[in-house]
Amino acid sequence: MKNPEDICPDFPEWPESWHGVEEDIPYGQGLVAVMRPFVLHLIDNGLTRKTIRKHMDYLWLLGGEIIRDVGMDEEYDIPPEEKLRQSVDEEGGPYCRHLDSENDMRSFDSTCRKLHKFLNSCL
């Protein structure tokens, strides 16, 4: 495992899966660009493929929620990195309407906390 595509081959296509309107695609590409170093960090830390894949699944959900939020409020002027930083904190991430169980929500929040910690260490 050397890059995100080794674990999730469709990682570069995430923006297309998130988009509702054309403006969403470049915004999503910006999100993927910010998420890539985090996934590389997980790989470099020697986490198992299964664990990294789980984190990537939650990153995909997070990106979809961010794109939905940006599109609804027409916040395309907020840079993707800034919006991502606004969306995660030490408590977790935004509400994710695609998660059905408390356990999944805790796992999603765990990924968001890890991302928050990573982003803050890169200042």
PDB file of N, CA and C in Angstrom:
ATOM      1  N   MET A   1       0.860  -1.181   0.000  1.00  0.00           N
ATOM      2  CA  MET A   1       0.000   0.000   0.000  1.00  0.00           C
ATOM      3  C   MET A   1       0.901   1.238   0.000  1.00  0.00           C
ATOM      4  N   LYS A   2       0.779   1.997  -1.067  1.00  0.00           N
ATOM      5  CA  LYS A   2       1.575   3.211  -1.152  1.00  0.00           C
ATOM      6  C   LYS A   2       0.736   4.460  -1.340  1.00  0.00           C
ATOM      7  N   ASN A   3      -0.476   4.298  -1.863  1.00  0.00           N
ATOM      8  CA  ASN A   3      -1.328   5.465  -2.068  1.00  0.00           C
ATOM      9  C   ASN A   3      -2.798   5.089  -1.863  1.00  0.00           C
ATOM     10  N   PRO A   4      -3.648   6.096  -1.740  1.00  0.00           N
ATOM     11  CA  PRO A   4      -5.072   5.820  -1.474  1.00  0.00           C
ATOM     12  C   PRO A   4      -5.720   4.911  -2.513  1.00  0.00           C
ATOM     13  N   GLU A   5      -5.300   5.029  -3.769  1.00  0.00           N
ATOM     14  CA  GLU A   5      -5.897   4.223  -4.830  1.00  0.00           C
ATOM     15  C   GLU A   5      -5.596   2.733  -4.677  1.00  0.00           C
ATOM     16  N   ASP A   6      -4.533   2.394  -3.933  1.00  0.00           N
ATOM     17  CA  ASP A   6      -4.230   0.982  -3.653  1.00  0.00           C
ATOM     18  C   ASP A   6      -5.316   0.365  -2.773  1.00  0.00           C
ATOM     19  N   ILE A   7      -5.971   1.184  -1.993  1.00  0.00           N
ATOM     20  CA  ILE A   7      -6.997   0.729  -1.056  1.00  0.00           C
ATOM     21  C   ILE A   7      -8.396   0.954  -1.619  1.00  0.00           C
ATOM     22  N   CYS A   8      -8.559   2.078  -2.263  1.00  0.00           N
ATOM     23  CA  CYS A   8      -9.868   2.466  -2.811  1.00  0.00           C
ATOM     24  C   CYS A   8      -9.634   3.032  -4.216  1.00  0.00           C
ATOM     25  N   PRO A   9      -9.669   2.169  -5.233  1.00  0.00           N
ATOM     26  CA  PRO A   9      -9.339   2.607  -6.599  1.00  0.00           C
ATOM     27  C   PRO A   9     -10.175   3.781  -7.118  1.00  0.00           C
ATOM     28  N   ASP A  10     -11.393   3.951  -6.603  1.00  0.00           N
ATOM     29  CA  ASP A  10     -12.231   5.041  -7.100  1.00  0.00           C
ATOM     30  C   ASP A  10     -12.045   6.353  -6.335  1.00  0.00           C
ATOM     31  N   PHE A  11     -11.037   6.435  -5.482  1.00  0.00           N
ATOM     32  CA  PHE A  11     -10.778   7.647  -4.698  1.00  0.00           C
ATOM     33  C   PHE A  11     -10.778   8.915  -5.571  1.00  0.00           C
ATOM     34  N   PRO A  12     -10.103   8.938  -6.721  1.00  0.00           N
ATOM     35  CA  PRO A  12     -10.114  10.148  -7.547  1.00  0.00           C
ATOM     36  C   PRO A  12     -11.491  10.482  -8.134  1.00  0.00           C
ATOM     37  N   GLU A  13     -12.379   9.506  -8.199  1.00  0.00           N
ATOM     38  CA  GLU A  13     -13.711   9.753  -8.758  1.00  0.00           C
ATOM     39  C   GLU A  13     -14.744  10.167  -7.718  1.00  0.00           C
ATOM     40  N   TRP A  14     -14.350  10.269  -6.463  1.00  0.00           N
ATOM     41  CA  TRP A  14     -15.301  10.666  -5.432  1.00  0.00           C
ATOM     42  C   TRP A  14     -16.062  11.945  -5.782  1.00  0.00           C
ATOM     43  N   PRO A  15     -15.399  12.982  -6.299  1.00  0.00           N
ATOM     44  CA  PRO A  15     -16.156  14.212  -6.602  1.00  0.00           C
ATOM     45  C   PRO A  15     -17.337  13.979  -7.546  1.00  0.00           C
ATOM     46  N   GLU A  16     -17.177  13.083  -8.508  1.00  0.00           N
ATOM     47  CA  GLU A  16     -18.283  12.801  -9.415  1.00  0.00           C
ATOM     48  C   GLU A  16     -19.431  12.090  -8.686  1.00  0.00           C
ATOM     49  N   SER A  17     -19.086  11.264  -7.709  1.00  0.00           N
ATOM     50  CA  SER A  17     -20.133  10.548  -6.969  1.00  0.00           C
ATOM     51  C   SER A  17     -20.863  11.475  -6.004  1.00  0.00           C
ATOM     52  N   TRP A  18     -20.224  12.548  -5.583  1.00  0.00           N
ATOM     53  CA  TRP A  18     -20.830  13.486  -4.651  1.00  0.00           C
ATOM     54  C   TRP A  18     -21.684  14.535  -5.336  1.00  0.00           C
ATOM     55  N   HIS A  19     -21.417  14.842  -6.574  1.00  0.00           N
ATOM     56  CA  HIS A  19     -21.975  16.059  -7.165  1.00  0.00           C
ATOM     57  C   HIS A  19     -23.474  15.975  -7.442  1.00  0.00           C
ATOM     58  N   GLY A  20     -24.074  17.127  -7.276  1.00  0.00           N
ATOM     59  CA  GLY A  20     -25.471  17.299  -7.637  1.00  0.00           C
ATOM     60  C   GLY A  20     -25.555  18.267  -8.800  1.00  0.00           C
ATOM     61  N   VAL A  21     -24.652  19.246  -8.796  1.00  0.00           N
ATOM     62  CA  VAL A  21     -24.527  20.219  -9.890  1.00  0.00           C
ATOM     63  C   VAL A  21     -23.060  20.291 -10.283  1.00  0.00           C
ATOM     64  N   GLU A  22     -22.799  20.832 -11.454  1.00  0.00           N
ATOM     65  CA  GLU A  22     -21.428  20.843 -11.988  1.00  0.00           C
ATOM     66  C   GLU A  22     -20.428  21.553 -11.078  1.00  0.00           C
ATOM     67  N   GLU A  23     -20.855  22.604 -10.370  1.00  0.00           N
ATOM     68  CA  GLU A  23     -19.946  23.336  -9.477  1.00  0.00           C
ATOM     69  C   GLU A  23     -19.402  22.449  -8.365  1.00  0.00           C
ATOM     70  N   ASP A  24     -20.130  21.378  -8.062  1.00  0.00           N
ATOM     71  CA  ASP A  24     -19.708  20.482  -6.985  1.00  0.00           C
ATOM     72  C   ASP A  24     -18.435  19.712  -7.339  1.00  0.00           C
ATOM     73  N   ILE A  25     -18.215  19.446  -8.623  1.00  0.00           N
ATOM     74  CA  ILE A  25     -17.083  18.600  -9.005  1.00  0.00           C
ATOM     75  C   ILE A  25     -15.739  19.247  -8.674  1.00  0.00           C
ATOM     76  N   PRO A  26     -15.455  20.480  -9.103  1.00  0.00           N
ATOM     77  CA  PRO A  26     -14.167  21.063  -8.722  1.00  0.00           C
ATOM     78  C   PRO A  26     -14.035  21.250  -7.210  1.00  0.00           C
ATOM     79  N   TYR A  27     -15.154  21.532  -6.561  1.00  0.00           N
ATOM     80  CA  TYR A  27     -15.111  21.672  -5.104  1.00  0.00           C
ATOM     81  C   TYR A  27     -14.741  20.331  -4.470  1.00  0.00           C
ATOM     82  N   GLY A  28     -15.358  19.269  -4.953  1.00  0.00           N
ATOM     83  CA  GLY A  28     -15.040  17.931  -4.461  1.00  0.00           C
ATOM     84  C   GLY A  28     -13.598  17.546  -4.740  1.00  0.00           C
ATOM     85  N   GLN A  29     -13.068  17.961  -5.876  1.00  0.00           N
ATOM     86  CA  GLN A  29     -11.662  17.689  -6.185  1.00  0.00           C
ATOM     87  C   GLN A  29     -10.761  18.375  -5.159  1.00  0.00           C
ATOM     88  N   GLY A  30     -11.169  19.560  -4.734  1.00  0.00           N
ATOM     89  CA  GLY A  30     -10.424  20.254  -3.680  1.00  0.00           C
ATOM     90  C   GLY A  30     -10.471  19.496  -2.365  1.00  0.00           C
ATOM     91  N   LEU A  31     -11.628  18.920  -2.040  1.00  0.00           N
ATOM     92  CA  LEU A  31     -11.741  18.121  -0.812  1.00  0.00           C
ATOM     93  C   LEU A  31     -10.843  16.890  -0.877  1.00  0.00           C
ATOM     94  N   VAL A  32     -10.860  16.199  -2.021  1.00  0.00           N
ATOM     95  CA  VAL A  32     -10.029  15.003  -2.184  1.00  0.00           C
ATOM     96  C   VAL A  32      -8.551  15.374  -2.048  1.00  0.00           C
ATOM     97  N   ALA A  33      -8.158  16.526  -2.582  1.00  0.00           N
ATOM     98  CA  ALA A  33      -6.763  16.967  -2.485  1.00  0.00           C
ATOM     99  C   ALA A  33      -6.351  17.179  -1.029  1.00  0.00           C
ATOM    100  N   VAL A  34      -7.278  17.648  -0.202  1.00  0.00           N
ATOM    101  CA  VAL A  34      -6.980  17.852   1.220  1.00  0.00           C
ATOM    102  C   VAL A  34      -7.015  16.525   1.978  1.00  0.00           C
ATOM    103  N   MET A  35      -7.884  15.599   1.571  1.00  0.00           N
ATOM    104  CA  MET A  35      -7.988  14.304   2.240  1.00  0.00           C
ATOM    105  C   MET A  35      -6.804  13.385   1.922  1.00  0.00           C
ATOM    106  N   ARG A  36      -6.224  13.530   0.725  1.00  0.00           N
ATOM    107  CA  ARG A  36      -5.135  12.646   0.293  1.00  0.00           C
ATOM    108  C   ARG A  36      -3.974  12.580   1.302  1.00  0.00           C
ATOM    109  N   PRO A  37      -3.437  13.714   1.779  1.00  0.00           N
ATOM    110  CA  PRO A  37      -2.337  13.614   2.745  1.00  0.00           C
ATOM    111  C   PRO A  37      -2.727  12.883   4.030  1.00  0.00           C
ATOM    112  N   PHE A  38      -3.990  13.024   4.436  1.00  0.00           N
ATOM    113  CA  PHE A  38      -4.461  12.312   5.622  1.00  0.00           C
ATOM    114  C   PHE A  38      -4.439  10.810   5.389  1.00  0.00           C
ATOM    115  N   VAL A  39      -4.920  10.365   4.240  1.00  0.00           N
ATOM    116  CA  VAL A  39      -4.912   8.931   3.933  1.00  0.00           C
ATOM    117  C   VAL A  39      -3.472   8.431   3.826  1.00  0.00           C
ATOM    118  N   LEU A  40      -2.600   9.218   3.223  1.00  0.00           N
ATOM    119  CA  LEU A  40      -1.182   8.826   3.150  1.00  0.00           C
ATOM    120  C   LEU A  40      -0.583   8.705   4.549  1.00  0.00           C
ATOM    121  N   HIS A  41      -0.997   9.579   5.431  1.00  0.00           N
ATOM    122  CA  HIS A  41      -0.558   9.519   6.838  1.00  0.00           C
ATOM    123  C   HIS A  41      -1.018   8.212   7.495  1.00  0.00           C
ATOM    124  N   LEU A  42      -2.251   7.812   7.233  1.00  0.00           N
ATOM    125  CA  LEU A  42      -2.754   6.547   7.786  1.00  0.00           C
ATOM    126  C   LEU A  42      -1.933   5.370   7.251  1.00  0.00           C
ATOM    127  N   ILE A  43      -1.616   5.414   5.963  1.00  0.00           N
ATOM    128  CA  ILE A  43      -0.806   4.351   5.351  1.00  0.00           C
ATOM    129  C   ILE A  43       0.581   4.328   5.977  1.00  0.00           C
ATOM    130  N   ASP A  44       1.196   5.512   6.098  1.00  0.00           N
ATOM    131  CA  ASP A  44       2.548   5.608   6.669  1.00  0.00           C
ATOM    132  C   ASP A  44       2.608   5.137   8.115  1.00  0.00           C
ATOM    133  N   ASN A  45       1.485   5.239   8.826  1.00  0.00           N
ATOM    134  CA  ASN A  45       1.447   4.794  10.221  1.00  0.00           C
ATOM    135  C   ASN A  45       1.241   3.291  10.349  1.00  0.00           C
ATOM    136  N   GLY A  46       1.168   2.603   9.222  1.00  0.00           N
ATOM    137  CA  GLY A  46       1.113   1.145   9.249  1.00  0.00           C
ATOM    138  C   GLY A  46      -0.230   0.548   9.623  1.00  0.00           C
ATOM    139  N   LEU A  47      -1.296   1.315   9.492  1.00  0.00           N
ATOM    140  CA  LEU A  47      -2.615   0.751   9.768  1.00  0.00           C
ATOM    141  C   LEU A  47      -2.934  -0.328   8.736  1.00  0.00           C
ATOM    142  N   THR A  48      -3.782  -1.245   9.100  1.00  0.00           N
ATOM    143  CA  THR A  48      -4.139  -2.320   8.168  1.00  0.00           C
ATOM    144  C   THR A  48      -4.988  -1.766   7.036  1.00  0.00           C
ATOM    145  N   ARG A  49      -4.978  -2.488   5.934  1.00  0.00           N
ATOM    146  CA  ARG A  49      -5.791  -2.116   4.769  1.00  0.00           C
ATOM    147  C   ARG A  49      -7.259  -1.979   5.179  1.00  0.00           C
ATOM    148  N   LYS A  50      -7.743  -2.920   5.983  1.00  0.00           N
ATOM    149  CA  LYS A  50      -9.149  -2.909   6.409  1.00  0.00           C
ATOM    150  C   LYS A  50      -9.469  -1.647   7.215  1.00  0.00           C
ATOM    151  N   THR A  51      -8.583  -1.264   8.113  1.00  0.00           N
ATOM    152  CA  THR A  51      -8.793  -0.078   8.941  1.00  0.00           C
ATOM    153  C   THR A  51      -8.776   1.184   8.092  1.00  0.00           C
ATOM    154  N   ILE A  52      -7.804   1.272   7.195  1.00  0.00           N
ATOM    155  CA  ILE A  52      -7.731   2.444   6.324  1.00  0.00           C
ATOM    156  C   ILE A  52      -8.961   2.520   5.432  1.00  0.00           C
ATOM    157  N   ARG A  53      -9.390   1.394   4.912  1.00  0.00           N
ATOM    158  CA  ARG A  53     -10.581   1.365   4.063  1.00  0.00           C
ATOM    159  C   ARG A  53     -11.802   1.878   4.824  1.00  0.00           C
ATOM    160  N   LYS A  54     -11.909   1.477   6.084  1.00  0.00           N
ATOM    161  CA  LYS A  54     -13.041   1.934   6.913  1.00  0.00           C
ATOM    162  C   LYS A  54     -12.989   3.464   7.069  1.00  0.00           C
ATOM    163  N   HIS A  55     -11.782   3.985   7.357  1.00  0.00           N
ATOM    164  CA  HIS A  55     -11.635   5.439   7.466  1.00  0.00           C
ATOM    165  C   HIS A  55     -11.991   6.109   6.138  1.00  0.00           C
ATOM    166  N   MET A  56     -11.577   5.518   5.027  1.00  0.00           N
ATOM    167  CA  MET A  56     -11.882   6.092   3.720  1.00  0.00           C
ATOM    168  C   MET A  56     -13.382   6.062   3.441  1.00  0.00           C
ATOM    169  N   ASP A  57     -14.051   5.029   3.876  1.00  0.00           N
ATOM    170  CA  ASP A  57     -15.506   4.975   3.719  1.00  0.00           C
ATOM    171  C   ASP A  57     -16.162   6.153   4.439  1.00  0.00           C
ATOM    172  N   TYR A  58     -15.674   6.450   5.642  1.00  0.00           N
ATOM    173  CA  TYR A  58     -16.229   7.564   6.399  1.00  0.00           C
ATOM    174  C   TYR A  58     -15.822   8.901   5.796  1.00  0.00           C
ATOM    175  N   LEU A  59     -14.619   8.990   5.211  1.00  0.00           N
ATOM    176  CA  LEU A  59     -14.221  10.210   4.512  1.00  0.00           C
ATOM    177  C   LEU A  59     -15.133  10.458   3.311  1.00  0.00           C
ATOM    178  N   TRP A  60     -15.504   9.375   2.624  1.00  0.00           N
ATOM    179  CA  TRP A  60     -16.411   9.518   1.487  1.00  0.00           C
ATOM    180  C   TRP A  60     -17.758  10.080   1.955  1.00  0.00           C
ATOM    181  N   LEU A  61     -18.257   9.563   3.068  1.00  0.00           N
ATOM    182  CA  LEU A  61     -19.515  10.084   3.617  1.00  0.00           C
ATOM    183  C   LEU A  61     -19.358  11.552   4.028  1.00  0.00           C
ATOM    184  N   LEU A  62     -18.240  11.878   4.670  1.00  0.00           N
ATOM    185  CA  LEU A  62     -17.984  13.255   5.091  1.00  0.00           C
ATOM    186  C   LEU A  62     -17.963  14.185   3.881  1.00  0.00           C
ATOM    187  N   GLY A  63     -17.273  13.798   2.833  1.00  0.00           N
ATOM    188  CA  GLY A  63     -17.222  14.623   1.635  1.00  0.00           C
ATOM    189  C   GLY A  63     -18.593  14.851   1.035  1.00  0.00           C
ATOM    190  N   GLY A  64     -19.403  13.816   1.023  1.00  0.00           N
ATOM    191  CA  GLY A  64     -20.757  13.954   0.498  1.00  0.00           C
ATOM    192  C   GLY A  64     -21.595  14.923   1.305  1.00  0.00           C
ATOM    193  N   GLU A  65     -21.452  14.867   2.626  1.00  0.00           N
ATOM    194  CA  GLU A  65     -22.191  15.793   3.489  1.00  0.00           C
ATOM    195  C   GLU A  65     -21.709  17.225   3.287  1.00  0.00           C
ATOM    196  N   ILE A  66     -20.399  17.393   3.121  1.00  0.00           N
ATOM    197  CA  ILE A  66     -19.854  18.740   2.905  1.00  0.00           C
ATOM    198  C   ILE A  66     -20.353  19.300   1.573  1.00  0.00           C
ATOM    199  N   ILE A  67     -20.297  18.495   0.518  1.00  0.00           N
ATOM    200  CA  ILE A  67     -20.768  18.952  -0.794  1.00  0.00           C
ATOM    201  C   ILE A  67     -22.252  19.315  -0.722  1.00  0.00           C
ATOM    202  N   ARG A  68     -23.022  18.518  -0.045  1.00  0.00           N
ATOM    203  CA  ARG A  68     -24.457  18.807   0.100  1.00  0.00           C
ATOM    204  C   ARG A  68     -24.655  20.153   0.797  1.00  0.00           C
ATOM    205  N   ASP A  69     -23.907  20.353   1.875  1.00  0.00           N
ATOM    206  CA  ASP A  69     -23.995  21.589   2.651  1.00  0.00           C
ATOM    207  C   ASP A  69     -23.561  22.792   1.809  1.00  0.00           C
ATOM    208  N   VAL A  70     -22.445  22.671   1.124  1.00  0.00           N
ATOM    209  CA  VAL A  70     -21.934  23.759   0.290  1.00  0.00           C
ATOM    210  C   VAL A  70     -22.948  24.105  -0.804  1.00  0.00           C
ATOM    211  N   GLY A  71     -23.499  23.091  -1.443  1.00  0.00           N
ATOM    212  CA  GLY A  71     -24.464  23.324  -2.511  1.00  0.00           C
ATOM    213  C   GLY A  71     -25.753  23.962  -2.022  1.00  0.00           C
ATOM    214  N   MET A  72     -26.244  23.506  -0.886  1.00  0.00           N
ATOM    215  CA  MET A  72     -27.502  24.055  -0.355  1.00  0.00           C
ATOM    216  C   MET A  72     -27.361  25.526   0.016  1.00  0.00           C
ATOM    217  N   ASP A  73     -26.200  25.876   0.593  1.00  0.00           N
ATOM    218  CA  ASP A  73     -25.983  27.251   1.047  1.00  0.00           C
ATOM    219  C   ASP A  73     -25.198  28.081   0.036  1.00  0.00           C
ATOM    220  N   GLU A  74     -24.892  27.471  -1.120  1.00  0.00           N
ATOM    221  CA  GLU A  74     -24.101  28.121  -2.166  1.00  0.00           C
ATOM    222  C   GLU A  74     -22.848  28.781  -1.584  1.00  0.00           C
ATOM    223  N   GLU A  75     -22.060  27.962  -0.883  1.00  0.00           N
ATOM    224  CA  GLU A  75     -20.841  28.441  -0.234  1.00  0.00           C
ATOM    225  C   GLU A  75     -19.590  28.083  -1.037  1.00  0.00           C
ATOM    226  N   TYR A  76     -19.687  28.123  -2.340  1.00  0.00           N
ATOM    227  CA  TYR A  76     -18.547  27.732  -3.180  1.00  0.00           C
ATOM    228  C   TYR A  76     -17.357  28.676  -3.027  1.00  0.00           C
ATOM    229  N   ASP A  77     -17.589  29.854  -2.431  1.00  0.00           N
ATOM    230  CA  ASP A  77     -16.499  30.798  -2.228  1.00  0.00           C
ATOM    231  C   ASP A  77     -15.636  30.420  -1.019  1.00  0.00           C
ATOM    232  N   ILE A  78     -16.118  29.523  -0.156  1.00  0.00           N
ATOM    233  CA  ILE A  78     -15.309  29.041   0.971  1.00  0.00           C
ATOM    234  C   ILE A  78     -14.377  27.962   0.432  1.00  0.00           C
ATOM    235  N   PRO A  79     -13.058  28.133   0.584  1.00  0.00           N
ATOM    236  CA  PRO A  79     -12.128  27.125   0.064  1.00  0.00           C
ATOM    237  C   PRO A  79     -12.407  25.743   0.672  1.00  0.00           C
ATOM    238  N   PRO A  80     -12.253  24.680  -0.128  1.00  0.00           N
ATOM    239  CA  PRO A  80     -12.532  23.327   0.374  1.00  0.00           C
ATOM    240  C   PRO A  80     -11.788  22.986   1.664  1.00  0.00           C
ATOM    241  N   GLU A  81     -10.523  23.378   1.768  1.00  0.00           N
ATOM    242  CA  GLU A  81      -9.783  23.064   2.996  1.00  0.00           C
ATOM    243  C   GLU A  81     -10.414  23.745   4.203  1.00  0.00           C
ATOM    244  N   GLU A  82     -10.805  24.993   4.042  1.00  0.00           N
ATOM    245  CA  GLU A  82     -11.436  25.718   5.147  1.00  0.00           C
ATOM    246  C   GLU A  82     -12.765  25.069   5.538  1.00  0.00           C
ATOM    247  N   LYS A  83     -13.567  24.693   4.542  1.00  0.00           N
ATOM    248  CA  LYS A  83     -14.864  24.062   4.825  1.00  0.00           C
ATOM    249  C   LYS A  83     -14.661  22.716   5.521  1.00  0.00           C
ATOM    250  N   LEU A  84     -13.648  21.972   5.101  1.00  0.00           N
ATOM    251  CA  LEU A  84     -13.349  20.692   5.741  1.00  0.00           C
ATOM    252  C   LEU A  84     -12.951  20.926   7.195  1.00  0.00           C
ATOM    253  N   ARG A  85     -12.114  21.920   7.435  1.00  0.00           N
ATOM    254  CA  ARG A  85     -11.701  22.239   8.812  1.00  0.00           C
ATOM    255  C   ARG A  85     -12.895  22.670   9.666  1.00  0.00           C
ATOM    256  N   GLN A  86     -13.835  23.394   9.066  1.00  0.00           N
ATOM    257  CA  GLN A  86     -15.035  23.829   9.793  1.00  0.00           C
ATOM    258  C   GLN A  86     -15.957  22.657  10.118  1.00  0.00           C
ATOM    259  N   SER A  87     -15.851  21.596   9.343  1.00  0.00           N
ATOM    260  CA  SER A  87     -16.789  20.474   9.454  1.00  0.00           C
ATOM    261  C   SER A  87     -16.383  19.423  10.474  1.00  0.00           C
ATOM    262  N   VAL A  88     -15.116  19.418  10.863  1.00  0.00           N
ATOM    263  CA  VAL A  88     -14.636  18.425  11.833  1.00  0.00           C
ATOM    264  C   VAL A  88     -13.994  19.152  13.014  1.00  0.00           C
ATOM    265  N   ASP A  89     -14.109  18.536  14.184  1.00  0.00           N
ATOM    266  CA  ASP A  89     -13.472  19.101  15.370  1.00  0.00           C
ATOM    267  C   ASP A  89     -13.140  17.991  16.346  1.00  0.00           C
ATOM    268  N   GLU A  90     -12.773  18.369  17.557  1.00  0.00           N
ATOM    269  CA  GLU A  90     -12.355  17.372  18.558  1.00  0.00           C
ATOM    270  C   GLU A  90     -13.504  16.470  19.006  1.00  0.00           C
ATOM    271  N   GLU A  91     -14.729  16.811  18.656  1.00  0.00           N
ATOM    272  CA  GLU A  91     -15.872  15.967  19.012  1.00  0.00           C
ATOM    273  C   GLU A  91     -16.310  15.049  17.886  1.00  0.00           C
ATOM    274  N   GLY A  92     -15.884  15.337  16.663  1.00  0.00           N
ATOM    275  CA  GLY A  92     -16.264  14.490  15.538  1.00  0.00           C
ATOM    276  C   GLY A  92     -16.609  15.300  14.315  1.00  0.00           C
ATOM    277  N   GLY A  93     -17.615  14.823  13.587  1.00  0.00           N
ATOM    278  CA  GLY A  93     -17.992  15.465  12.338  1.00  0.00           C
ATOM    279  C   GLY A  93     -19.439  15.915  12.347  1.00  0.00           C
ATOM    280  N   PRO A  94     -19.914  16.324  11.187  1.00  0.00           N
ATOM    281  CA  PRO A  94     -21.302  16.766  11.077  1.00  0.00           C
ATOM    282  C   PRO A  94     -22.254  15.578  11.158  1.00  0.00           C
ATOM    283  N   TYR A  95     -23.519  15.887  11.301  1.00  0.00           N
ATOM    284  CA  TYR A  95     -24.523  14.828  11.251  1.00  0.00           C
ATOM    285  C   TYR A  95     -24.441  14.173   9.878  1.00  0.00           C
ATOM    286  N   CYS A  96     -24.440  12.855   9.859  1.00  0.00           N
ATOM    287  CA  CYS A  96     -24.394  12.117   8.601  1.00  0.00           C
ATOM    288  C   CYS A  96     -25.696  11.346   8.465  1.00  0.00           C
ATOM    289  N   ARG A  97     -26.520  11.754   7.534  1.00  0.00           N
ATOM    290  CA  ARG A  97     -27.851  11.166   7.369  1.00  0.00           C
ATOM    291  C   ARG A  97     -27.828   9.749   6.840  1.00  0.00           C
ATOM    292  N   HIS A  98     -26.663   9.245   6.414  1.00  0.00           N
ATOM    293  CA  HIS A  98     -26.568   7.895   5.858  1.00  0.00           C
ATOM    294  C   HIS A  98     -26.176   6.833   6.888  1.00  0.00           C
ATOM    295  N   LEU A  99     -25.982   7.249   8.123  1.00  0.00           N
ATOM    296  CA  LEU A  99     -25.585   6.291   9.163  1.00  0.00           C
ATOM    297  C   LEU A  99     -26.810   5.922   9.991  1.00  0.00           C
ATOM    298  N   ASP A 100     -26.994   4.606  10.157  1.00  0.00           N
ATOM    299  CA  ASP A 100     -28.197   4.121  10.835  1.00  0.00           C
ATOM    300  C   ASP A 100     -27.993   3.773  12.300  1.00  0.00           C
ATOM    301  N   SER A 101     -26.773   3.440  12.672  1.00  0.00           N
ATOM    302  CA  SER A 101     -26.565   2.970  14.040  1.00  0.00           C
ATOM    303  C   SER A 101     -25.666   3.910  14.830  1.00  0.00           C
ATOM    304  N   GLU A 102     -25.816   3.835  16.118  1.00  0.00           N
ATOM    305  CA  GLU A 102     -24.977   4.620  17.029  1.00  0.00           C
ATOM    306  C   GLU A 102     -23.511   4.209  16.872  1.00  0.00           C
ATOM    307  N   ASN A 103     -23.279   2.927  16.654  1.00  0.00           N
ATOM    308  CA  ASN A 103     -21.918   2.437  16.472  1.00  0.00           C
ATOM    309  C   ASN A 103     -21.270   3.046  15.225  1.00  0.00           C
ATOM    310  N   ASP A 104     -22.026   3.082  14.113  1.00  0.00           N
ATOM    311  CA  ASP A 104     -21.503   3.694  12.893  1.00  0.00           C
ATOM    312  C   ASP A 104     -21.228   5.183  13.098  1.00  0.00           C
ATOM    313  N   MET A 105     -22.104   5.861  13.818  1.00  0.00           N
ATOM    314  CA  MET A 105     -21.904   7.288  14.072  1.00  0.00           C
ATOM    315  C   MET A 105     -20.649   7.514  14.919  1.00  0.00           C
ATOM    316  N   ARG A 106     -20.420   6.662  15.901  1.00  0.00           N
ATOM    317  CA  ARG A 106     -19.204   6.779  16.721  1.00  0.00           C
ATOM    318  C   ARG A 106     -17.956   6.563  15.860  1.00  0.00           C
ATOM    319  N   SER A 107     -18.006   5.589  14.972  1.00  0.00           N
ATOM    320  CA  SER A 107     -16.864   5.318  14.094  1.00  0.00           C
ATOM    321  C   SER A 107     -16.633   6.487  13.128  1.00  0.00           C
ATOM    322  N   PHE A 108     -17.701   7.024  12.572  1.00  0.00           N
ATOM    323  CA  PHE A 108     -17.614   8.197  11.699  1.00  0.00           C
ATOM    324  C   PHE A 108     -16.970   9.357  12.453  1.00  0.00           C
ATOM    325  N   ASP A 109     -17.446   9.617  13.667  1.00  0.00           N
ATOM    326  CA  ASP A 109     -16.886  10.702  14.482  1.00  0.00           C
ATOM    327  C   ASP A 109     -15.421  10.447  14.809  1.00  0.00           C
ATOM    328  N   SER A 110     -15.050   9.194  15.023  1.00  0.00           N
ATOM    329  CA  SER A 110     -13.655   8.862  15.294  1.00  0.00           C
ATOM    330  C   SER A 110     -12.769   9.239  14.105  1.00  0.00           C
ATOM    331  N   THR A 111     -13.215   8.914  12.902  1.00  0.00           N
ATOM    332  CA  THR A 111     -12.466   9.300  11.703  1.00  0.00           C
ATOM    333  C   THR A 111     -12.367  10.816  11.610  1.00  0.00           C
ATOM    334  N   CYS A 112     -13.462  11.509  11.870  1.00  0.00           N
ATOM    335  CA  CYS A 112     -13.460  12.969  11.805  1.00  0.00           C
ATOM    336  C   CYS A 112     -12.525  13.577  12.841  1.00  0.00           C
ATOM    337  N   ARG A 113     -12.475  12.998  14.046  1.00  0.00           N
ATOM    338  CA  ARG A 113     -11.544  13.490  15.074  1.00  0.00           C
ATOM    339  C   ARG A 113     -10.102  13.280  14.629  1.00  0.00           C
ATOM    340  N   LYS A 114      -9.807  12.124  14.049  1.00  0.00           N
ATOM    341  CA  LYS A 114      -8.457  11.852  13.546  1.00  0.00           C
ATOM    342  C   LYS A 114      -8.079  12.841  12.447  1.00  0.00           C
ATOM    343  N   LEU A 115      -9.016  13.121  11.555  1.00  0.00           N
ATOM    344  CA  LEU A 115      -8.771  14.089  10.490  1.00  0.00           C
ATOM    345  C   LEU A 115      -8.532  15.476  11.082  1.00  0.00           C
ATOM    346  N   HIS A 116      -9.343  15.862  12.043  1.00  0.00           N
ATOM    347  CA  HIS A 116      -9.186  17.158  12.712  1.00  0.00           C
ATOM    348  C   HIS A 116      -7.792  17.267  13.341  1.00  0.00           C
ATOM    349  N   LYS A 117      -7.391  16.245  14.041  1.00  0.00           N
ATOM    350  CA  LYS A 117      -6.072  16.243  14.680  1.00  0.00           C
ATOM    351  C   LYS A 117      -4.970  16.348  13.629  1.00  0.00           C
ATOM    352  N   PHE A 118      -5.104  15.608  12.554  1.00  0.00           N
ATOM    353  CA  PHE A 118      -4.115  15.651  11.468  1.00  0.00           C
ATOM    354  C   PHE A 118      -4.050  17.056  10.849  1.00  0.00           C
ATOM    355  N   LEU A 119      -5.208  17.617  10.526  1.00  0.00           N
ATOM    356  CA  LEU A 119      -5.220  18.950   9.914  1.00  0.00           C
ATOM    357  C   LEU A 119      -4.599  19.996  10.833  1.00  0.00           C
ATOM    358  N   ASN A 120      -4.843  19.888  12.125  1.00  0.00           N
ATOM    359  CA  ASN A 120      -4.274  20.857  13.068  1.00  0.00           C
ATOM    360  C   ASN A 120      -2.783  20.668  13.261  1.00  0.00           C
ATOM    361  N   SER A 121      -2.293  19.452  13.041  1.00  0.00           N
ATOM    362  CA  SER A 121      -0.852  19.228  13.182  1.00  0.00           C
ATOM    363  C   SER A 121      -0.095  19.729  11.954  1.00  0.00           C
ATOM    364  N   CYS A 122      -0.811  20.029  10.881  1.00  0.00           N
ATOM    365  CA  CYS A 122      -0.194  20.486   9.625  1.00  0.00           C
ATOM    366  C   CYS A 122      -0.149  21.999   9.510  1.00  0.00           C
ATOM    367  N   LEU A 123      -0.516  22.705  10.560  1.00  0.00           N
ATOM    368  CA  LEU A 123      -0.556  24.183  10.469  1.00  0.00           C
ATOM    369  C   LEU A 123       0.789  24.771  10.230  1.00  0.00           C
TER     370      LEU A 123
END
